Amino acid sequence: MIHMLERLPDVERRAELAEFVCSAFDSLPRADQRRWAAFYVNGLLTVPRRKSIRNMADGHLVDSTVQSLQQFVNQSPWDWSPIRGKLIDFVAEKASPQAWILDRMVIPKRGAHSVGVARRFIPEQGRTMNSQLGAGLFLAGAGYSVPVDWSIVLSGKWATDEGWRAKSRVPGEVVGADEAGTMLGLVGTHLPAETGRLPGILLADFCGNPAATQLVPALARRGTPFLVQVDEAQEAVGMPRPMTRPARHAEHQHSRTTVGELFRMLGRQRALSPLRGTDDACTLVLSALVRLPTRMPAGDGPRPYVTQRLVVEWPVCENETVRYWLTNLGHDRLAELPGFISLLRGHRSELAALRNDFGVLDFEGRSFPGWHHHMTLVSAAFTYDRLARRGTPGVVRRREISRIGPECGGEPVTLAG
């Protein structure tokens, strides 16, 4: 089994980690694969700073360990899908998730050969940079948000050039797509449909995301229940005041504008309603029905629209930012909105921890399978840390890995750090 000796050794904790690793990776067909999965997960949990393969192998037959880990992550043809399914099952059973969260992960890269890498403008950085762009789907609840599925954006040459795709081992059945298509494909795998075990609502922060104009209407068309934060420049159409023209001219009574302008217009008309249960000394939460175009502009002809609700966090205190949200939840679920907004805020700090402390940026391979293997192992380590290992006392001073004992089909190997 795999275990960690901490300042306050805990036999139960060590057994818990062993059980988690064995369960999550039981679909791997060979014992040596399960051993290296455990080694990698433990390294992501315990190695400080950069989680490179060499740093994880430090002190333990470095050359052979590095070679074996690289083989396991980059060349070994194991399927990551069953492992991600096990993570979903674990979160559903352990933590009663309240929402799915869709997010993007920008991974800076040097050179042009890592799968999916491209020069792209990154709004959060305010500049164009060489990067991979991953789409992640998280399960979130009170105090946690953990990644359970991933896709990588394959556009440009990665979608059309067979030479580049073959070099990076992109399977033929994997179709290239832009950011919006990649995110929607990921959502379509898991939503809609509330099962009782898993939530049926999707949360996302689309501020600064150039794909938002495509994503919001597409989610509405699909019938996915959602609450998404948007920029004030997001396109919208206001619902009319009481009819003053014949019904056949109703389309022209809707003012095509942005959510920011619409908020100001509705405010002047006193058409915004406070949400119950959201009284705050510094923030008013207001809402109104709006209509959104269901597709991008395509000429001057009429377009179909869908009705949604604009939710605005309007700060009374100075120097605070107005925040805009769009949702297609019905009136009977409006009381849930503040809780969902709180979940998304908590997710942002979890995403920063995942990015900075769990090796997301440290993958050194170039292949499509390697990227998915690494992100799956990162997801397993983060899920364990947040939901199984929570509350562990003390600081890791020494780690001892008896990697995958008899119950998982391996031989014990010890690494002192």
Protein backbone atom coordinates (compact mmCIF):
# COMPACT_ATOMS: atom_id res chain seq x y z
CA MET A 1 0.00 0.00 0.00
CA ILE A 2 0.97 3.67 -0.21
CA HIS A 3 1.24 5.74 2.91
CA MET A 4 2.80 8.92 4.27
CA LEU A 5 4.50 9.39 7.67
CA GLU A 6 3.68 12.84 8.98
CA ARG A 7 4.64 14.69 12.12
CA LEU A 8 1.78 12.90 13.82
CA PRO A 9 1.69 9.42 12.18
CA ASP A 10 -1.83 8.23 11.53
CA VAL A 11 -2.33 4.60 10.56
CA GLU A 12 -5.90 5.27 9.53
CA ARG A 13 -4.79 8.12 7.27
CA ARG A 14 -2.20 5.94 5.55
CA ALA A 15 -4.78 3.23 4.96
CA GLU A 16 -7.17 5.83 3.59
CA LEU A 17 -4.68 6.97 0.97
CA ALA A 18 -3.93 3.36 0.03
CA GLU A 19 -7.63 2.62 -0.38
CA PHE A 20 -8.20 5.76 -2.46
CA VAL A 21 -5.35 5.03 -4.88
CA CYS A 22 -6.29 1.38 -5.27
CA SER A 23 -9.92 2.24 -5.96
CA ALA A 24 -9.32 5.16 -8.33
CA PHE A 25 -6.79 3.31 -10.48
CA ASP A 26 -8.17 -0.22 -10.37
CA SER A 27 -8.91 -0.06 -14.12
CA LEU A 28 -5.18 -0.06 -14.92
CA PRO A 29 -4.49 -3.56 -16.26
CA ARG A 30 -0.95 -4.10 -14.87
CA ALA A 31 0.45 -4.03 -11.36
CA ASP A 32 3.45 -1.91 -12.37
CA GLN A 33 1.09 0.75 -13.82
CA ARG A 34 -0.78 0.92 -10.52
CA ARG A 35 2.52 1.23 -8.65
CA TRP A 36 3.65 4.16 -10.80
CA ALA A 37 0.25 5.83 -10.51
CA ALA A 38 0.63 5.70 -6.74
CA PHE A 39 4.19 7.03 -6.94
CA TYR A 40 3.06 9.95 -9.11
CA VAL A 41 0.05 10.84 -6.95
CA ASN A 42 2.20 10.77 -3.82
CA GLY A 43 4.79 12.98 -5.53
CA LEU A 44 2.14 15.54 -6.44
CA LEU A 45 1.01 15.56 -2.81
CA THR A 46 4.41 15.75 -1.12
CA VAL A 47 7.15 17.12 -3.38
CA PRO A 48 7.61 20.85 -2.76
CA ARG A 49 7.69 23.41 -5.55
CA ARG A 50 8.05 22.05 -9.08
CA LYS A 51 6.44 18.63 -9.58
CA SER A 52 8.74 17.40 -12.34
CA ILE A 53 9.32 13.68 -12.77
CA ARG A 54 12.96 14.11 -11.77
CA ASN A 55 12.02 15.93 -8.58
CA MET A 56 9.47 13.23 -7.72
CA ALA A 57 12.11 10.53 -8.25
CA ASP A 58 14.84 12.34 -6.29
CA GLY A 59 16.73 10.00 -3.97
CA HIS A 60 15.33 6.75 -5.37
CA LEU A 61 17.30 5.07 -8.17
CA VAL A 62 16.89 8.28 -10.14
CA ASP A 63 17.66 7.12 -13.66
CA SER A 64 15.49 4.01 -13.68
CA THR A 65 12.67 5.72 -11.79
CA VAL A 66 12.63 8.72 -14.10
CA GLN A 67 12.56 6.47 -17.15
CA SER A 68 9.74 4.34 -15.75
CA LEU A 69 7.65 7.37 -14.76
CA GLN A 70 8.12 8.97 -18.16
CA GLN A 71 7.09 5.71 -19.83
CA PHE A 72 4.03 5.43 -17.59
CA VAL A 73 2.81 9.00 -18.22
CA ASN A 74 3.84 9.59 -21.84
CA GLN A 75 3.96 6.24 -23.65
CA SER A 76 1.83 3.75 -21.72
CA PRO A 77 -1.58 3.40 -23.48
CA TRP A 78 -3.85 3.35 -20.43
CA ASP A 79 -7.37 4.77 -20.59
CA TRP A 80 -8.01 7.77 -18.33
CA SER A 81 -11.81 7.76 -18.68
CA PRO A 82 -12.59 5.05 -16.09
CA ILE A 83 -10.35 6.79 -13.55
CA ARG A 84 -12.17 10.08 -14.01
CA GLY A 85 -15.44 8.20 -13.63
CA LYS A 86 -14.18 6.83 -10.32
CA LEU A 87 -13.32 10.37 -9.17
CA ILE A 88 -16.88 11.47 -9.96
CA ASP A 89 -18.25 8.52 -7.99
CA PHE A 90 -15.93 9.31 -5.08
CA VAL A 91 -16.98 12.98 -4.92
CA ALA A 92 -20.67 12.11 -5.24
CA GLU A 93 -20.46 9.61 -2.40
CA LYS A 94 -18.07 11.51 -0.15
CA ALA A 95 -19.15 15.13 -0.44
CA SER A 96 -22.67 15.60 -1.91
CA PRO A 97 -21.71 18.14 -4.62
CA GLN A 98 -24.07 21.02 -5.27
CA ALA A 99 -22.95 22.17 -8.74
CA TRP A 100 -20.75 21.52 -11.74
CA ILE A 101 -18.28 24.30 -12.55
CA LEU A 102 -16.84 24.84 -16.02
CA ASP A 103 -13.50 26.64 -16.25
CA ARG A 104 -10.45 27.15 -18.45
CA MET A 105 -6.81 26.44 -17.62
CA VAL A 106 -4.08 28.36 -19.45
CA ILE A 107 -0.78 26.45 -19.45
CA PRO A 108 2.19 28.50 -20.74
CA LYS A 109 4.53 26.56 -23.04
CA ARG A 110 7.76 27.13 -24.91
CA GLY A 111 8.12 25.94 -28.48
CA ALA A 112 5.52 24.71 -30.93
CA HIS A 113 5.49 20.93 -30.43
CA SER A 114 3.43 20.32 -27.27
CA VAL A 115 -0.05 19.13 -28.19
CA GLY A 116 -2.56 21.97 -28.60
CA VAL A 117 0.01 24.75 -28.13
CA ALA A 118 -0.70 28.00 -29.99
CA ARG A 119 -0.16 31.72 -29.80
CA ARG A 120 -3.35 33.11 -28.29
CA PHE A 121 -4.48 36.23 -26.49
CA ILE A 122 -5.07 35.52 -22.80
CA PRO A 123 -7.43 38.15 -21.34
CA GLU A 124 -6.44 37.47 -17.73
CA GLN A 125 -2.80 38.09 -18.67
CA GLY A 126 -3.60 40.98 -20.99
CA ARG A 127 -1.20 39.69 -23.64
CA THR A 128 -0.64 37.12 -26.34
CA MET A 129 1.35 34.10 -25.24
CA ASN A 130 2.36 30.60 -26.27
CA SER A 131 0.11 28.22 -24.36
CA GLN A 132 -2.07 25.17 -24.17
CA LEU A 133 -5.69 25.81 -23.25
CA GLY A 134 -7.49 23.22 -21.20
CA ALA A 135 -11.20 23.05 -20.36
CA GLY A 136 -11.94 21.59 -16.94
CA LEU A 137 -15.16 20.37 -15.37
CA PHE A 138 -15.30 20.47 -11.56
CA LEU A 139 -17.68 19.21 -8.91
CA ALA A 140 -18.18 21.75 -6.13
CA GLY A 141 -19.77 21.94 -2.72
CA ALA A 142 -19.29 23.76 0.55
CA GLY A 143 -15.57 24.44 0.89
CA TYR A 144 -14.29 22.48 -2.11
CA SER A 145 -14.14 22.34 -5.90
CA VAL A 146 -12.33 19.40 -7.50
CA PRO A 147 -11.60 18.62 -11.17
CA VAL A 148 -13.17 15.44 -12.54
CA ASP A 149 -12.87 15.78 -16.33
CA TRP A 150 -10.70 17.61 -18.87
CA SER A 151 -10.43 18.45 -22.56
CA ILE A 152 -7.71 20.30 -24.43
CA VAL A 153 -8.45 22.84 -27.16
CA LEU A 154 -7.25 21.48 -30.52
CA SER A 155 -7.69 24.20 -33.12
CA GLY A 156 -5.66 25.35 -36.11
CA LYS A 157 -3.01 22.84 -37.15
CA TRP A 158 -4.01 20.50 -34.30
CA ALA A 159 -7.44 20.13 -35.88
CA THR A 160 -6.47 19.82 -39.53
CA ASP A 161 -2.80 18.85 -40.00
CA GLU A 162 -2.45 15.06 -39.90
CA GLY A 163 1.32 15.31 -39.49
CA TRP A 164 1.12 17.39 -36.32
CA ARG A 165 -1.71 15.24 -34.96
CA ALA A 166 0.19 12.01 -35.61
CA LYS A 167 3.34 13.38 -34.01
CA SER A 168 1.40 14.17 -30.83
CA ARG A 169 -0.62 10.94 -31.00
CA VAL A 170 -4.01 12.63 -31.26
CA PRO A 171 -6.52 9.81 -31.93
CA GLY A 172 -8.33 10.01 -35.26
CA GLU A 173 -11.73 10.08 -33.56
CA VAL A 174 -10.81 13.22 -31.58
CA VAL A 175 -12.20 16.12 -33.61
CA GLY A 176 -10.60 19.54 -33.34
CA ALA A 177 -12.66 22.43 -31.96
CA ASP A 178 -12.29 26.00 -30.76
CA GLU A 179 -12.61 26.95 -27.09
CA ALA A 180 -16.40 27.19 -27.16
CA GLY A 181 -16.79 23.84 -28.95
CA THR A 182 -14.34 22.15 -26.57
CA MET A 183 -16.16 23.44 -23.48
CA LEU A 184 -19.59 22.53 -24.83
CA GLY A 185 -18.39 19.01 -25.68
CA LEU A 186 -17.21 18.58 -22.10
CA VAL A 187 -20.51 19.84 -20.70
CA GLY A 188 -22.49 17.58 -23.03
CA THR A 189 -20.78 14.54 -21.56
CA HIS A 190 -22.24 15.17 -18.09
CA LEU A 191 -25.19 17.59 -18.32
CA PRO A 192 -28.13 18.11 -18.29
CA ALA A 193 -30.00 15.60 -16.13
CA GLU A 194 -30.02 15.71 -12.38
CA THR A 195 -29.58 12.17 -11.13
CA GLY A 196 -30.08 12.71 -7.41
CA ARG A 197 -26.45 11.68 -6.96
CA LEU A 198 -25.01 14.49 -9.08
CA PRO A 199 -26.13 18.11 -9.45
CA GLY A 200 -27.93 19.39 -12.52
CA ILE A 201 -26.70 22.99 -12.63
CA LEU A 202 -23.62 24.41 -14.32
CA LEU A 203 -21.73 27.43 -12.95
CA ALA A 204 -19.06 29.36 -14.86
CA ASP A 205 -17.19 32.64 -14.92
CA PHE A 206 -17.11 33.83 -18.54
CA CYS A 207 -15.69 37.27 -17.76
CA GLY A 208 -12.89 38.01 -20.19
CA ASN A 209 -13.60 34.82 -22.11
CA PRO A 210 -13.82 35.58 -25.84
CA ALA A 211 -15.98 32.48 -26.30
CA ALA A 212 -18.72 33.76 -23.97
CA THR A 213 -20.85 35.14 -26.82
CA GLN A 214 -21.07 31.61 -28.22
CA LEU A 215 -21.21 29.73 -24.92
CA VAL A 216 -24.13 31.46 -23.21
CA PRO A 217 -26.67 31.06 -26.05
CA ALA A 218 -25.46 27.51 -26.74
CA LEU A 219 -26.06 26.48 -23.13
CA ALA A 220 -29.54 27.99 -23.32
CA ARG A 221 -30.34 26.11 -26.54
CA ARG A 222 -29.19 22.84 -24.98
CA GLY A 223 -31.46 23.29 -21.98
CA THR A 224 -28.56 23.09 -19.53
CA PRO A 225 -29.53 24.79 -16.24
CA PHE A 226 -26.83 27.40 -15.64
CA LEU A 227 -25.68 30.47 -13.76
CA VAL A 228 -22.76 32.25 -15.43
CA GLN A 229 -20.92 35.45 -14.69
CA VAL A 230 -20.42 37.69 -17.75
CA ASP A 231 -18.78 40.97 -18.68
CA GLU A 232 -20.93 44.08 -18.88
CA ALA A 233 -20.33 44.01 -22.64
CA GLN A 234 -22.19 40.70 -23.06
CA GLU A 235 -24.89 41.11 -25.72
CA ALA A 236 -28.48 41.12 -24.45
CA VAL A 237 -31.98 42.26 -25.39
CA GLY A 238 -34.31 43.88 -22.87
CA MET A 239 -37.84 42.67 -22.29
CA PRO A 240 -40.33 45.43 -23.21
CA ARG A 241 -42.36 47.62 -20.90
CA PRO A 242 -46.17 47.24 -21.30
CA MET A 243 -47.09 47.03 -24.95
CA THR A 244 -47.78 50.33 -26.69
CA ARG A 245 -47.64 48.96 -30.24
CA PRO A 246 -49.44 46.11 -31.97
CA ALA A 247 -48.16 42.65 -31.05
CA ARG A 248 -46.82 42.10 -34.57
CA HIS A 249 -44.23 44.81 -33.86
CA ALA A 250 -43.20 43.30 -30.52
CA GLU A 251 -39.77 42.30 -31.78
CA HIS A 252 -38.91 45.96 -32.36
CA GLN A 253 -39.80 46.89 -28.77
CA HIS A 254 -36.83 44.93 -27.47
CA SER A 255 -33.71 47.03 -27.15
CA ARG A 256 -30.63 45.18 -28.40
CA THR A 257 -27.77 46.24 -26.15
CA THR A 258 -25.29 44.91 -23.56
CA VAL A 259 -26.01 43.66 -20.04
CA GLY A 260 -24.27 46.74 -18.61
CA GLU A 261 -26.43 49.16 -20.57
CA LEU A 262 -29.48 47.03 -19.93
CA PHE A 263 -28.86 47.16 -16.18
CA ARG A 264 -28.72 50.94 -16.29
CA MET A 265 -31.83 51.13 -18.49
CA LEU A 266 -33.81 48.76 -16.27
CA GLY A 267 -32.65 50.71 -13.23
CA ARG A 268 -34.05 53.94 -14.68
CA GLN A 269 -37.31 52.13 -15.40
CA ARG A 270 -37.33 50.63 -11.90
CA ALA A 271 -37.76 47.23 -13.48
CA LEU A 272 -35.17 45.44 -11.31
CA SER A 273 -36.41 43.34 -8.38
CA PRO A 274 -34.33 42.55 -5.27
CA LEU A 275 -33.72 38.87 -4.64
CA ARG A 276 -35.12 37.69 -1.34
CA GLY A 277 -32.65 36.68 1.32
CA THR A 278 -29.77 38.68 -0.16
CA ASP A 279 -29.87 41.79 2.01
CA ASP A 280 -26.33 42.99 2.64
CA ALA A 281 -24.93 46.21 4.06
CA CYS A 282 -22.80 46.80 0.97
CA THR A 283 -24.42 44.87 -1.89
CA LEU A 284 -27.87 44.71 -3.47
CA VAL A 285 -28.71 41.66 -5.58
CA LEU A 286 -31.25 42.58 -8.25
CA SER A 287 -32.76 40.69 -11.16
CA ALA A 288 -34.86 41.14 -14.29
CA LEU A 289 -35.89 39.06 -17.29
CA VAL A 290 -33.87 39.62 -20.46
CA ARG A 291 -33.63 37.99 -23.86
CA LEU A 292 -30.42 36.78 -25.49
CA PRO A 293 -29.67 36.06 -29.13
CA THR A 294 -29.36 32.32 -29.65
CA ARG A 295 -26.60 32.61 -32.23
CA MET A 296 -23.97 35.02 -33.47
CA PRO A 297 -25.08 37.75 -35.90
CA ALA A 298 -25.52 36.45 -39.45
CA GLY A 299 -26.72 39.28 -41.60
CA ASP A 300 -29.66 41.62 -41.06
CA GLY A 301 -32.40 39.03 -40.80
CA PRO A 302 -34.37 38.34 -37.61
CA ARG A 303 -32.88 36.03 -34.99
CA PRO A 304 -34.59 33.80 -32.43
CA TYR A 305 -34.18 34.76 -28.79
CA VAL A 306 -34.37 32.95 -25.47
CA THR A 307 -35.62 34.47 -22.23
CA GLN A 308 -33.23 34.44 -19.28
CA ARG A 309 -32.74 36.34 -16.07
CA LEU A 310 -30.12 39.02 -15.52
CA VAL A 311 -28.82 39.03 -11.94
CA VAL A 312 -26.76 42.02 -10.81
CA GLU A 313 -24.64 42.39 -7.70
CA TRP A 314 -24.80 46.14 -7.20
CA PRO A 315 -22.42 47.42 -4.50
CA VAL A 316 -23.66 50.27 -2.34
CA CYS A 317 -20.16 50.85 -0.97
CA GLU A 318 -17.69 52.84 -3.05
CA ASN A 319 -14.82 51.34 -5.05
CA GLU A 320 -16.62 48.05 -5.59
CA THR A 321 -17.35 46.45 -8.97
CA VAL A 322 -20.81 45.71 -10.35
CA ARG A 323 -21.04 42.01 -11.24
CA TYR A 324 -23.37 40.59 -13.86
CA TRP A 325 -24.83 37.10 -14.03
CA LEU A 326 -27.12 35.32 -16.47
CA THR A 327 -29.25 32.32 -15.56
CA ASN A 328 -32.05 30.24 -17.04
CA LEU A 329 -33.20 28.93 -13.65
CA GLY A 330 -36.91 29.35 -13.00
CA HIS A 331 -38.49 31.66 -10.46
CA ASP A 332 -38.86 28.80 -7.99
CA ARG A 333 -35.04 28.44 -7.76
CA LEU A 334 -34.06 32.10 -7.36
CA ALA A 335 -33.45 31.60 -3.63
CA GLU A 336 -30.57 29.26 -4.54
CA LEU A 337 -28.64 31.88 -6.54
CA PRO A 338 -26.65 33.44 -3.63
CA GLY A 339 -25.41 30.00 -2.63
CA PHE A 340 -24.32 29.22 -6.19
CA ILE A 341 -22.52 32.57 -6.45
CA SER A 342 -20.68 31.73 -3.22
CA LEU A 343 -19.65 28.33 -4.65
CA LEU A 344 -18.11 29.96 -7.71
CA ARG A 345 -16.17 32.43 -5.56
CA GLY A 346 -14.77 29.57 -3.52
CA HIS A 347 -13.85 27.74 -6.71
CA ARG A 348 -11.51 30.56 -7.76
CA SER A 349 -9.20 30.00 -4.80
CA GLU A 350 -9.34 26.23 -5.35
CA LEU A 351 -8.38 26.72 -8.99
CA ALA A 352 -5.37 28.83 -7.95
CA ALA A 353 -4.25 26.11 -5.55
CA LEU A 354 -4.65 23.42 -8.21
CA ARG A 355 -2.63 25.47 -10.68
CA ASN A 356 0.16 26.52 -8.32
CA ASP A 357 0.57 23.61 -5.90
CA PHE A 358 -0.36 20.38 -7.70
CA GLY A 359 1.83 20.32 -10.80
CA VAL A 360 -0.67 21.39 -13.48
CA LEU A 361 2.02 23.50 -15.16
CA ASP A 362 4.83 20.98 -14.75
CA PHE A 363 4.05 18.34 -17.37
CA GLU A 364 7.10 17.92 -19.60
CA GLY A 365 5.67 15.69 -22.34
CA ARG A 366 4.23 16.67 -25.70
CA SER A 367 1.65 14.00 -26.51
CA PHE A 368 -2.14 14.06 -26.29
CA PRO A 369 -2.31 10.89 -24.14
CA GLY A 370 0.49 12.20 -21.91
CA TRP A 371 -1.38 15.45 -21.25
CA HIS A 372 -4.55 13.57 -20.31
CA HIS A 373 -2.62 11.11 -18.13
CA HIS A 374 -0.94 13.95 -16.25
CA MET A 375 -4.18 15.90 -15.74
CA THR A 376 -5.92 12.74 -14.50
CA LEU A 377 -3.17 12.11 -11.94
CA VAL A 378 -3.28 15.76 -10.87
CA SER A 379 -7.06 15.50 -10.46
CA ALA A 380 -6.71 12.37 -8.33
CA ALA A 381 -4.13 14.00 -6.06
CA PHE A 382 -6.24 17.15 -5.64
CA THR A 383 -9.42 15.18 -4.97
CA TYR A 384 -7.69 13.09 -2.33
CA ASP A 385 -6.14 16.15 -0.70
CA ARG A 386 -9.42 18.07 -0.55
CA LEU A 387 -11.90 15.34 0.30
CA ALA A 388 -10.07 12.42 1.92
CA ARG A 389 -7.04 13.98 3.56
CA ARG A 390 -8.73 17.12 4.86
CA GLY A 391 -7.87 17.92 8.44
CA THR A 392 -4.56 16.07 8.46
CA PRO A 393 -2.52 17.63 11.30
CA GLY A 394 1.08 18.75 11.07
CA VAL A 395 3.49 19.29 8.20
CA VAL A 396 4.96 16.58 6.00
CA ARG A 397 8.57 16.17 7.11
CA ARG A 398 9.31 12.70 5.84
CA ARG A 399 7.52 10.50 3.43
CA GLU A 400 7.68 6.78 3.18
CA ILE A 401 6.10 5.11 0.20
CA SER A 402 5.34 1.40 0.37
CA ARG A 403 3.95 1.51 -3.08
CA ILE A 404 0.93 -0.64 -3.79
CA GLY A 405 1.18 -3.61 -1.51
CA PRO A 406 -0.27 -7.07 -2.06
CA GLU A 407 -3.87 -5.87 -2.17
CA CYS A 408 -3.03 -3.84 -5.29
CA GLY A 409 -0.62 -6.31 -6.81
CA GLY A 410 2.79 -4.74 -6.18
CA GLU A 411 6.03 -4.95 -4.24
CA PRO A 412 6.86 -2.46 -1.46
CA VAL A 413 9.38 0.26 -2.33
CA THR A 414 10.55 2.82 0.22
CA LEU A 415 11.66 6.40 -0.44
CA ALA A 416 12.94 8.58 2.37
CA GLY A 417 12.75 12.32 1.78
